[in-house]
């Protein structure tokens, strides 16, 4: 028989809708009849009870997890004749410290997005530069040379290949002498008040049937106006200081913009009087979407899913921020050129695990590939797990060298700290990456490992290759830059 009835207390008060601050220690208690036993399970953790001599009150000490959220609570009291259960929930709330860190992480992520666009465009324009009301130059360059503009050009080319539609309509009455040329008699008719002109007998006033652009073809004029604006913006950007590679890409895009604009064969005129334009086809909707984008002040932002991470998951936000910070630091290294990138898709910064975020090349022949949450399985290549487990660090930098075996630099975010230091359990987890990821021949591949954690202490490096590196927005970020520069330099020299 299962019945309800026990009263569970949290820190001496009834646990009705309890809330506990993450990482804090709470005491649960319940009066248990003599001869009965009790079990308390919170989440997936079965707590060990402790009893005081002569006291019927069972007690459990519970440390709230570091991740905020809702956890189920189940109390089971087993007696000789019955089993009594109590079910509830406990809310683990983020600490005030986590709330402040959460806000700081979001604020710094907002600054890192245009910094990435700035670095990927060649690093000549500071992020956010530009005149008031004008687009961010780095963002504009990223847009013009990115996939959104290529998609727009393809759509406009398809529109240009369609024969223009025209509509014949009657205009008048008009004075025959005011017409530039005598109309075809088949395309005019007498006005009601027309009078013959001597000696020809032609009427002095006529209705003329003229060929005018079909209002449904307004898309050609809208597309032409948009291309004219893009060409002008690109030309203005082209005369500013740009790296040679970025200048070449931009010049090629402007050339294609001009070619597509010429195929439209439209003379820009006022669109007043034409009905409101309503995009009907897929290509017209692409033009309309790009047009709306250009009407805004152009900037770069993160994908909405990343910025929607709730405060109770500050640890996950910290992981993504660390990956973004590593990306910016890699782009700041001298002598490395971007070969591939998946960080920026048009005006949206993103973190994807499906392909390298960055592939950088060095004049000496070495390359580095930055990966976010890569999966190293027992069968993956060129790096694999050396046992039957799947290793998934937060960030890895895969290094290839023409005269060396491929190597790895691993960075893993640990949103745990004890008085500003990394706990021993997190360090033990870090060693699993050092020893557990290798090459196909079984040799170890991880030459350096950084455990990133929210602290304010100084980095601590061990002879094993592991470094405990504190990292928070606005605090000691230069330590990460220096650590990356030194480890990558060691790997390629």
Protein backbone atom coordinates (compact mmCIF):
# COMPACT_ATOMS: atom_id res chain seq x y z
CA UNK A 1 0.00 0.00 0.00
CA UNK A 2 1.28 3.46 -0.89
CA UNK A 3 -0.07 6.49 0.97
CA UNK A 4 0.90 10.12 1.39
CA UNK A 5 1.56 11.81 4.67
CA UNK A 6 5.16 12.43 5.83
CA UNK A 7 6.22 16.00 6.50
CA UNK A 8 9.60 16.81 4.95
CA UNK A 9 11.44 19.79 6.41
CA UNK A 10 14.11 21.91 4.78
CA UNK A 11 16.33 23.70 7.30
CA UNK A 12 13.57 23.20 9.89
CA UNK A 13 10.69 24.57 7.77
CA UNK A 14 8.08 22.61 5.75
CA UNK A 15 9.39 21.98 2.23
CA UNK A 16 6.34 23.26 0.35
CA UNK A 17 7.94 25.17 -2.53
CA UNK A 18 11.56 25.24 -1.38
CA UNK A 19 14.26 27.33 -3.03
CA UNK A 20 17.95 26.77 -2.45
CA UNK A 21 20.84 28.89 -3.71
CA UNK A 22 23.14 26.87 -5.96
CA UNK A 23 26.24 25.37 -4.27
CA UNK A 24 24.79 26.03 -0.82
CA UNK A 25 24.38 23.25 1.77
CA UNK A 26 20.88 22.52 3.09
CA UNK A 27 19.59 20.06 5.70
CA UNK A 28 16.50 17.96 5.01
CA UNK A 29 14.72 16.19 7.87
CA UNK A 30 11.64 14.07 8.51
CA UNK A 31 10.13 12.27 11.52
CA UNK A 32 10.22 8.51 10.85
CA UNK A 33 8.27 5.95 12.96
CA UNK A 34 10.25 3.50 15.06
CA UNK A 35 11.26 0.44 13.11
CA UNK A 36 10.80 2.14 9.72
CA UNK A 37 13.48 3.26 7.26
CA UNK A 38 13.60 6.30 5.00
CA UNK A 39 15.24 7.13 1.67
CA UNK A 40 15.57 10.62 0.18
CA UNK A 41 16.37 11.05 -3.52
CA UNK A 42 16.92 14.48 -5.08
CA UNK A 43 17.36 14.45 -8.82
CA UNK A 44 19.40 11.31 -9.47
CA UNK A 45 21.25 11.47 -6.15
CA UNK A 46 20.31 9.20 -3.25
CA UNK A 47 21.36 10.97 -0.05
CA UNK A 48 23.01 9.22 2.87
CA UNK A 49 21.03 9.78 6.13
CA UNK A 50 22.50 10.45 9.54
CA UNK A 51 20.75 9.86 12.88
CA UNK A 52 21.29 11.30 16.33
CA UNK A 53 21.03 8.83 19.22
CA UNK A 54 17.52 8.68 20.70
CA UNK A 55 16.11 10.99 17.97
CA UNK A 56 13.38 9.77 15.60
CA UNK A 57 14.20 12.60 13.18
CA UNK A 58 16.12 11.43 10.13
CA UNK A 59 18.39 14.01 8.57
CA UNK A 60 20.12 14.39 5.21
CA UNK A 61 22.72 16.95 4.24
CA UNK A 62 22.52 18.08 0.60
CA UNK A 63 24.78 20.39 -1.37
CA UNK A 64 22.83 22.09 -4.15
CA UNK A 65 24.36 21.54 -7.59
CA UNK A 66 26.17 24.27 -9.47
CA UNK A 67 23.51 24.29 -12.19
CA UNK A 68 20.36 26.22 -11.38
CA UNK A 69 17.03 24.64 -12.22
CA UNK A 70 14.21 22.45 -10.87
CA UNK A 71 15.04 19.10 -9.26
CA UNK A 72 12.55 16.38 -8.23
CA UNK A 73 12.45 15.26 -4.60
CA UNK A 74 11.24 11.81 -3.55
CA UNK A 75 10.99 10.66 0.09
CA UNK A 76 10.13 6.99 0.71
CA UNK A 77 9.38 5.65 4.22
CA UNK A 78 9.21 1.88 4.43
CA UNK A 79 7.54 0.25 7.44
CA UNK A 80 6.48 -3.36 8.09
CA UNK A 81 2.93 -2.92 6.80
CA UNK A 82 3.08 0.08 4.47
CA UNK A 83 5.20 2.24 2.19
CA UNK A 84 4.71 5.99 2.34
CA UNK A 85 5.96 8.31 -0.39
CA UNK A 86 6.22 12.05 -0.72
CA UNK A 87 6.99 13.76 -4.03
CA UNK A 88 7.90 17.38 -4.59
CA UNK A 89 10.39 19.68 -6.24
CA UNK A 90 13.17 21.96 -5.11
CA UNK A 91 14.16 25.05 -7.04
CA UNK A 92 17.88 25.73 -7.25
CA UNK A 93 18.33 29.46 -7.85
CA UNK A 94 21.44 31.09 -9.29
CA UNK A 95 23.53 32.97 -6.81
CA UNK A 96 23.85 36.73 -7.02
CA UNK A 97 27.41 36.21 -8.17
CA UNK A 98 26.22 34.08 -11.09
CA UNK A 99 23.61 36.69 -12.03
CA UNK A 100 26.33 39.35 -12.23
CA UNK A 101 28.58 37.05 -14.24
CA UNK A 102 25.69 36.18 -16.54
CA UNK A 103 25.13 39.86 -17.35
CA UNK A 104 28.87 40.40 -17.87
CA UNK A 105 29.12 37.38 -20.20
CA UNK A 106 26.22 38.60 -22.34
CA UNK A 107 27.66 42.12 -22.51
CA UNK A 108 31.07 40.86 -23.58
CA UNK A 109 29.55 38.52 -26.17
CA UNK A 110 27.80 41.53 -27.71
CA UNK A 111 31.19 43.21 -28.09
CA UNK A 112 32.90 40.09 -29.43
CA UNK A 113 30.48 39.71 -32.38
CA UNK A 114 31.59 42.89 -34.23
CA UNK A 115 35.17 42.17 -33.13
CA UNK A 116 34.98 38.88 -35.02
CA UNK A 117 33.63 40.63 -38.12
CA UNK A 118 36.39 43.19 -37.79
CA UNK A 119 39.10 40.51 -37.53
CA UNK A 120 37.69 38.39 -40.36
CA UNK A 121 37.53 41.43 -42.64
CA UNK A 122 41.25 42.03 -42.26
CA UNK A 123 41.42 43.98 -39.03
CA UNK A 124 41.83 47.43 -40.51
CA UNK A 125 38.56 48.98 -39.35
CA UNK A 126 37.83 49.03 -35.62
CA UNK A 127 34.54 47.36 -34.80
CA UNK A 128 31.79 49.93 -34.68
CA UNK A 129 33.70 52.47 -36.79
CA UNK A 130 31.80 54.59 -39.25
CA UNK A 131 29.86 57.82 -39.37
CA UNK A 132 26.65 58.31 -37.42
CA UNK A 133 23.75 56.64 -39.19
CA UNK A 134 26.10 54.69 -41.46
CA UNK A 135 26.76 50.94 -41.35
CA UNK A 136 29.59 49.50 -39.35
CA UNK A 137 32.39 49.25 -41.94
CA UNK A 138 33.55 45.83 -40.84
CA UNK A 139 29.95 44.58 -40.87
CA UNK A 140 29.35 46.11 -44.31
CA UNK A 141 32.44 44.42 -45.71
CA UNK A 142 31.36 41.11 -44.19
CA UNK A 143 27.90 41.51 -45.73
CA UNK A 144 29.07 42.48 -49.22
CA UNK A 145 31.58 39.64 -49.45
CA UNK A 146 29.41 37.08 -47.64
CA UNK A 147 26.80 34.51 -48.65
CA UNK A 148 23.79 36.84 -48.27
CA UNK A 149 25.01 39.08 -51.09
CA UNK A 150 25.76 36.06 -53.27
CA UNK A 151 22.22 34.85 -52.67
CA UNK A 152 20.83 38.29 -53.54
CA UNK A 153 22.82 38.42 -56.78
CA UNK A 154 21.57 35.01 -57.85
CA UNK A 155 17.97 36.10 -57.18
CA UNK A 156 18.34 39.37 -59.11
CA UNK A 157 19.99 37.54 -62.03
CA UNK A 158 16.94 35.30 -62.28
CA UNK A 159 14.67 38.34 -62.20
CA UNK A 160 16.75 40.00 -64.92
CA UNK A 161 16.44 37.00 -67.23
CA UNK A 162 12.66 37.25 -67.20
CA UNK A 163 11.36 39.37 -70.12
CA UNK A 164 9.96 42.69 -68.82
CA UNK A 165 6.20 42.91 -68.81
CA UNK A 166 4.54 46.02 -70.14
CA UNK A 167 0.93 47.11 -70.20
CA UNK A 168 -0.83 49.21 -72.85
CA UNK A 169 -3.17 51.85 -71.52
CA UNK A 170 -5.02 54.85 -72.89
CA UNK A 171 -3.61 58.27 -72.06
CA UNK A 172 -5.40 61.43 -72.94
CA UNK A 173 -6.98 63.39 -74.23
CA UNK A 174 -3.74 64.90 -75.58
CA UNK A 175 -3.08 67.73 -78.02
CA UNK A 176 -1.83 66.13 -81.21
CA UNK A 177 0.70 68.92 -81.66
CA UNK A 178 2.19 68.24 -78.23
CA UNK A 179 3.18 64.70 -79.16
CA UNK A 180 6.81 64.18 -80.16
CA UNK A 181 5.79 61.98 -83.06
CA UNK A 182 2.55 61.18 -84.79
CA UNK A 183 1.04 58.11 -83.16
CA UNK A 184 0.06 55.01 -85.04
CA UNK A 185 -3.61 55.49 -86.01
CA UNK A 186 -4.26 52.00 -84.69
CA UNK A 187 -3.21 53.21 -81.23
CA UNK A 188 -5.23 56.38 -80.88
CA UNK A 189 -8.84 57.40 -80.96
CA UNK A 190 -10.66 60.65 -81.26
CA UNK A 191 -11.41 62.68 -78.19
CA UNK A 192 -15.05 63.64 -77.74
CA UNK A 193 -14.26 67.33 -78.29
CA UNK A 194 -11.78 66.80 -81.17
CA UNK A 195 -11.84 69.17 -84.17
CA UNK A 196 -10.15 68.67 -87.60
CA UNK A 197 -6.87 70.46 -88.27
CA UNK A 198 -6.68 72.08 -91.74
CA UNK A 199 -5.44 71.17 -94.25
CA UNK A 200 -4.61 67.57 -93.10
CA UNK A 201 -7.89 66.78 -91.50
CA UNK A 202 -6.13 65.23 -88.50
CA UNK A 203 -7.97 65.68 -85.19
CA UNK A 204 -6.48 68.23 -82.81
CA UNK A 205 -7.13 66.10 -79.68
CA UNK A 206 -6.75 62.33 -79.38
CA UNK A 207 -6.56 59.54 -76.85
CA UNK A 208 -3.21 57.72 -77.20
CA UNK A 209 -2.53 54.09 -76.31
CA UNK A 210 0.93 54.02 -74.71
CA UNK A 211 3.06 51.15 -73.47
CA UNK A 212 3.92 51.56 -69.80
CA UNK A 213 5.75 49.34 -67.31
CA UNK A 214 3.44 46.89 -65.65
CA UNK A 215 3.07 47.82 -61.97
CA UNK A 216 3.63 44.14 -61.22
CA UNK A 217 7.18 44.64 -62.54
CA UNK A 218 8.06 47.03 -59.76
CA UNK A 219 10.44 44.38 -58.45
CA UNK A 220 12.91 45.28 -61.23
CA UNK A 221 12.97 48.92 -60.09
CA UNK A 222 13.30 47.96 -56.41
CA UNK A 223 16.15 45.57 -57.22
CA UNK A 224 17.87 48.23 -59.34
CA UNK A 225 17.67 50.80 -56.55
CA UNK A 226 19.06 48.27 -54.07
CA UNK A 227 21.97 47.34 -56.35
CA UNK A 228 22.77 51.02 -56.94
CA UNK A 229 23.01 51.55 -53.20
CA UNK A 230 25.22 48.49 -52.73
CA UNK A 231 27.53 49.57 -55.53
CA UNK A 232 27.87 53.05 -54.02
CA UNK A 233 28.52 51.61 -50.55
CA UNK A 234 31.08 49.18 -51.91
CA UNK A 235 32.87 51.90 -53.86
CA UNK A 236 33.09 54.07 -50.74
CA UNK A 237 34.50 51.12 -48.79
CA UNK A 238 36.96 50.30 -51.55
CA UNK A 239 38.77 53.65 -51.23
CA UNK A 240 39.47 53.05 -47.52
CA UNK A 241 42.53 51.13 -46.30
CA UNK A 242 41.91 47.40 -46.75
CA UNK A 243 44.11 44.31 -46.81
CA UNK A 244 44.94 43.13 -50.33
CA UNK A 245 42.87 39.95 -50.06
CA UNK A 246 39.79 41.77 -48.72
CA UNK A 247 40.15 44.46 -51.40
CA UNK A 248 40.30 41.82 -54.14
CA UNK A 249 37.18 40.06 -52.88
CA UNK A 250 35.28 43.34 -52.58
CA UNK A 251 36.31 44.47 -56.07
CA UNK A 252 35.07 41.18 -57.53
CA UNK A 253 31.71 41.57 -55.75
CA UNK A 254 31.32 45.16 -57.00
CA UNK A 255 32.08 44.00 -60.54
CA UNK A 256 29.37 41.38 -60.33
CA UNK A 257 26.94 43.89 -58.84
CA UNK A 258 27.55 46.17 -61.83
CA UNK A 259 27.10 43.32 -64.30
CA UNK A 260 23.79 42.23 -62.77
CA UNK A 261 22.63 45.85 -62.58
CA UNK A 262 23.30 46.29 -66.30
CA UNK A 263 21.19 43.22 -67.12
CA UNK A 264 18.19 44.76 -65.38
CA UNK A 265 18.20 47.53 -68.01
CA UNK A 266 16.11 49.82 -65.81
CA UNK A 267 16.34 53.60 -65.64
CA UNK A 268 15.67 54.65 -62.08
CA UNK A 269 12.67 56.90 -61.84
CA UNK A 270 10.19 57.82 -59.19
CA UNK A 271 8.02 54.95 -58.10
CA UNK A 272 5.30 57.33 -56.92
CA UNK A 273 1.95 56.37 -58.39
CA UNK A 274 2.72 52.69 -58.66
CA UNK A 275 0.89 50.41 -56.25
CA UNK A 276 2.62 49.17 -53.12
CA UNK A 277 5.13 46.45 -53.92
CA UNK A 278 4.19 43.04 -52.63
CA UNK A 279 6.84 40.39 -53.23
CA UNK A 280 5.26 37.34 -54.80
CA UNK A 281 8.04 35.02 -55.89
CA UNK A 282 10.88 33.53 -53.83
CA UNK A 283 13.42 35.76 -55.59
CA UNK A 284 11.38 38.89 -54.84
CA UNK A 285 11.19 37.90 -51.17
CA UNK A 286 14.99 37.60 -51.08
CA UNK A 287 15.28 41.14 -52.51
CA UNK A 288 12.76 42.42 -49.95
CA UNK A 289 14.61 40.78 -47.03
CA UNK A 290 17.97 42.23 -48.12
CA UNK A 291 16.33 45.63 -48.59
CA UNK A 292 15.00 45.54 -45.00
CA UNK A 293 18.47 44.62 -43.79
CA UNK A 294 20.01 47.65 -45.48
CA UNK A 295 17.37 49.97 -44.03
CA UNK A 296 18.63 49.17 -40.55
CA UNK A 297 21.91 50.32 -39.09
CA UNK A 298 24.04 47.40 -40.15
CA UNK A 299 25.75 45.44 -37.40
CA UNK A 300 26.73 41.93 -36.38
CA UNK A 301 25.02 39.92 -33.65
CA UNK A 302 24.96 36.39 -32.31
CA UNK A 303 22.42 33.80 -33.34
CA UNK A 304 19.27 34.22 -31.18
CA UNK A 305 19.53 30.71 -29.68
CA UNK A 306 22.87 31.54 -28.06
CA UNK A 307 21.64 34.77 -26.49
CA UNK A 308 18.52 32.98 -25.21
CA UNK A 309 20.49 30.81 -22.77
CA UNK A 310 18.76 31.40 -19.39
CA UNK A 311 20.57 32.63 -16.29
CA UNK A 312 20.17 29.24 -14.60
CA UNK A 313 22.48 27.87 -17.32
CA UNK A 314 25.27 30.35 -16.73
CA UNK A 315 27.75 27.46 -17.01
CA UNK A 316 26.69 26.81 -20.62
CA UNK A 317 26.88 30.51 -21.43
CA UNK A 318 30.37 30.56 -19.93
CA UNK A 319 31.42 27.71 -22.26
CA UNK A 320 30.20 29.56 -25.36
CA UNK A 321 31.81 32.80 -24.23
CA UNK A 322 35.14 31.00 -23.75
CA UNK A 323 34.89 29.61 -27.30
CA UNK A 324 34.18 33.09 -28.69
CA UNK A 325 37.07 34.58 -26.72
CA UNK A 326 39.48 31.92 -28.03
CA UNK A 327 38.29 32.67 -31.59
CA UNK A 328 39.04 36.38 -31.26
CA UNK A 329 42.46 35.68 -29.72
CA UNK A 330 43.43 33.30 -32.52
CA UNK A 331 42.49 35.91 -35.12
CA UNK A 332 44.80 38.41 -33.40
CA UNK A 333 47.90 36.24 -33.89
CA UNK A 334 50.48 37.68 -36.28
CA UNK A 335 51.44 35.98 -39.57
CA UNK A 336 48.38 33.72 -39.67
CA UNK A 337 45.90 34.04 -42.55
CA UNK A 338 42.27 32.92 -42.53
CA UNK A 339 41.76 30.07 -44.96
CA UNK A 340 38.24 29.05 -43.91
CA UNK A 341 35.73 30.31 -41.37
CA UNK A 342 32.28 29.30 -40.11
CA UNK A 343 32.01 31.94 -37.38
CA UNK A 344 30.15 34.50 -39.45
CA UNK A 345 27.18 33.78 -41.70
CA UNK A 346 26.19 37.13 -43.19
CA UNK A 347 25.53 39.34 -40.19
CA UNK A 348 25.10 36.52 -37.68
CA UNK A 349 27.92 35.24 -35.51
CA UNK A 350 27.56 31.58 -34.57
CA UNK A 351 29.26 28.62 -32.94
CA UNK A 352 28.83 25.36 -34.82
CA UNK A 353 30.17 21.93 -34.01
CA UNK A 354 29.64 20.55 -37.53
CA UNK A 355 32.75 22.13 -39.06
CA UNK A 356 35.85 24.06 -37.91
CA UNK A 357 35.08 27.57 -36.72
CA UNK A 358 38.40 28.73 -38.16
CA UNK A 359 41.17 27.32 -40.30
CA UNK A 360 44.33 29.47 -40.22
CA UNK A 361 47.45 29.01 -42.33
CA UNK A 362 51.04 30.04 -41.54
CA UNK A 363 53.65 30.95 -44.19
CA UNK A 364 55.84 28.12 -42.83
CA UNK A 365 53.21 25.60 -43.95
CA UNK A 366 51.50 24.90 -40.63
CA UNK A 367 47.72 25.11 -40.22
CA UNK A 368 45.46 25.30 -37.19
CA UNK A 369 41.79 24.35 -37.10
CA UNK A 370 39.65 25.67 -34.25
CA UNK A 371 36.77 23.36 -33.32
CA UNK A 372 33.88 23.84 -30.93
CA UNK A 373 32.80 20.77 -28.95
CA UNK A 374 34.51 18.26 -31.25
CA UNK A 375 33.79 14.56 -30.74
CA UNK A 376 36.81 12.30 -30.53
CA UNK A 377 35.63 8.71 -30.81
CA UNK A 378 37.68 5.48 -30.84
CA UNK A 379 37.47 5.53 -34.66
CA UNK A 380 37.79 9.24 -35.49
CA UNK A 381 40.66 10.60 -37.59
CA UNK A 382 43.30 12.00 -37.35
CA UNK A 383 42.71 12.21 -33.58
CA UNK A 384 40.81 9.59 -31.62
CA UNK A 385 39.91 8.50 -28.13
CA UNK A 386 42.47 6.05 -26.79
CA UNK A 387 39.80 4.07 -24.91
CA UNK A 388 36.15 3.21 -25.50
CA UNK A 389 34.87 6.61 -24.32
CA UNK A 390 33.92 9.59 -26.50
CA UNK A 391 35.89 12.70 -25.54
CA UNK A 392 34.13 16.04 -26.14
CA UNK A 393 36.20 19.03 -24.95
CA UNK A 394 34.69 22.48 -25.28
CA UNK A 395 37.37 23.79 -27.64
CA UNK A 396 40.24 22.13 -29.47
CA UNK A 397 42.92 23.52 -31.77
CA UNK A 398 44.14 20.91 -34.23
CA UNK A 399 47.63 21.66 -35.52
CA UNK A 400 49.20 20.19 -38.66
CA UNK A 401 52.83 20.75 -39.59
CA UNK A 402 54.71 19.60 -42.71
CA UNK A 403 57.56 18.15 -40.63
CA UNK A 404 55.74 17.02 -37.47
CA UNK A 405 52.98 14.70 -36.37
CA UNK A 406 49.62 16.45 -35.95
CA UNK A 407 48.99 17.78 -32.45
CA UNK A 408 46.21 19.16 -30.27
CA UNK A 409 45.70 22.04 -27.90
CA UNK A 410 42.61 21.58 -25.75
CA UNK A 411 40.70 24.23 -23.79
CA UNK A 412 37.87 23.17 -21.52
CA UNK A 413 35.60 25.48 -19.54
CA UNK A 414 34.98 24.50 -15.90
CA UNK A 415 32.37 26.74 -14.32
CA UNK A 416 33.53 25.73 -10.85
CA UNK A 417 35.80 27.44 -8.39
CA UNK A 418 36.61 27.24 -4.71
CA UNK A 419 37.73 30.60 -3.32
CA UNK A 420 38.99 31.60 -6.75
CA UNK A 421 40.82 28.32 -7.42
CA UNK A 422 39.98 25.36 -9.62
CA UNK A 423 38.80 22.38 -7.53
CA UNK A 424 40.78 19.14 -7.60
CA UNK A 425 37.87 17.26 -9.23
CA UNK A 426 38.00 19.55 -12.27
CA UNK A 427 41.76 19.04 -12.59
CA UNK A 428 41.27 15.28 -12.46
CA UNK A 429 38.75 15.56 -15.31
CA UNK A 430 41.26 17.60 -17.31
CA UNK A 431 43.84 14.82 -17.15
CA UNK A 432 41.38 12.55 -18.98
CA UNK A 433 41.86 14.73 -22.07
CA UNK A 434 45.64 14.70 -21.76
CA UNK A 435 45.79 10.93 -21.51
CA UNK A 436 42.64 9.94 -23.40
CA UNK A 437 43.02 11.66 -26.81
CA UNK A 438 45.70 10.49 -29.22
CA UNK A 439 46.65 9.58 -32.75
CA UNK A 440 45.85 6.47 -34.72
CA UNK A 441 49.12 4.80 -33.63
CA UNK A 442 48.15 5.18 -29.96
CA UNK A 443 50.51 8.04 -29.15
CA UNK A 444 49.17 10.96 -27.14
CA UNK A 445 48.27 14.03 -29.18
CA UNK A 446 47.38 16.72 -26.60
CA UNK A 447 50.45 18.85 -26.05
CA UNK A 448 48.77 21.49 -23.90
CA UNK A 449 45.54 21.75 -21.96
CA UNK A 450 43.97 24.86 -20.42
CA UNK A 451 41.13 24.54 -17.92
CA UNK A 452 39.25 27.85 -18.02
CA UNK A 453 37.35 28.77 -14.87
CA UNK A 454 35.73 31.92 -13.38
CA UNK A 455 38.40 33.05 -10.96
CA UNK A 456 40.60 36.03 -10.19
CA UNK A 457 43.83 34.22 -9.33
CA UNK A 458 46.94 33.81 -11.49
CA UNK A 459 47.37 30.96 -14.00
CA UNK A 460 49.05 27.81 -12.68
CA UNK A 461 50.91 25.55 -15.13
CA UNK A 462 52.04 22.01 -14.39
CA UNK A 463 54.79 19.93 -15.95
CA UNK A 464 52.15 17.59 -17.38
CA UNK A 465 51.03 20.31 -19.82
CA UNK A 466 47.90 21.27 -17.88
CA UNK A 467 47.24 24.91 -17.02
CA UNK A 468 44.54 26.19 -14.66
CA UNK A 469 43.71 29.52 -16.28
CA UNK A 470 41.21 31.94 -14.66
CA UNK A 471 39.11 33.78 -17.22
CA UNK A 472 36.31 36.32 -16.80
CA UNK A 473 35.09 39.23 -18.95
CA UNK A 474 37.28 42.26 -18.40
CA UNK A 475 39.67 40.39 -16.12
CA UNK A 476 42.92 38.76 -17.18
CA UNK A 477 41.83 38.04 -20.75
CA UNK A 478 45.37 38.89 -21.83
CA UNK A 479 46.55 35.78 -19.99
CA UNK A 480 44.61 33.62 -22.43
CA UNK A 481 46.06 35.48 -25.45
CA UNK A 482 49.60 35.01 -24.18
CA UNK A 483 49.01 31.34 -23.35
CA UNK A 484 47.62 30.62 -26.82
CA UNK A 485 50.42 32.48 -28.58
CA UNK A 486 53.13 30.63 -26.65
CA UNK A 487 51.59 27.17 -27.09
CA UNK A 488 50.97 27.58 -30.81
CA UNK A 489 54.48 28.95 -31.28
CA UNK A 490 55.90 25.92 -29.46
CA UNK A 491 53.91 23.60 -31.74
CA UNK A 492 55.14 25.05 -35.05
CA UNK A 493 58.77 25.87 -34.30
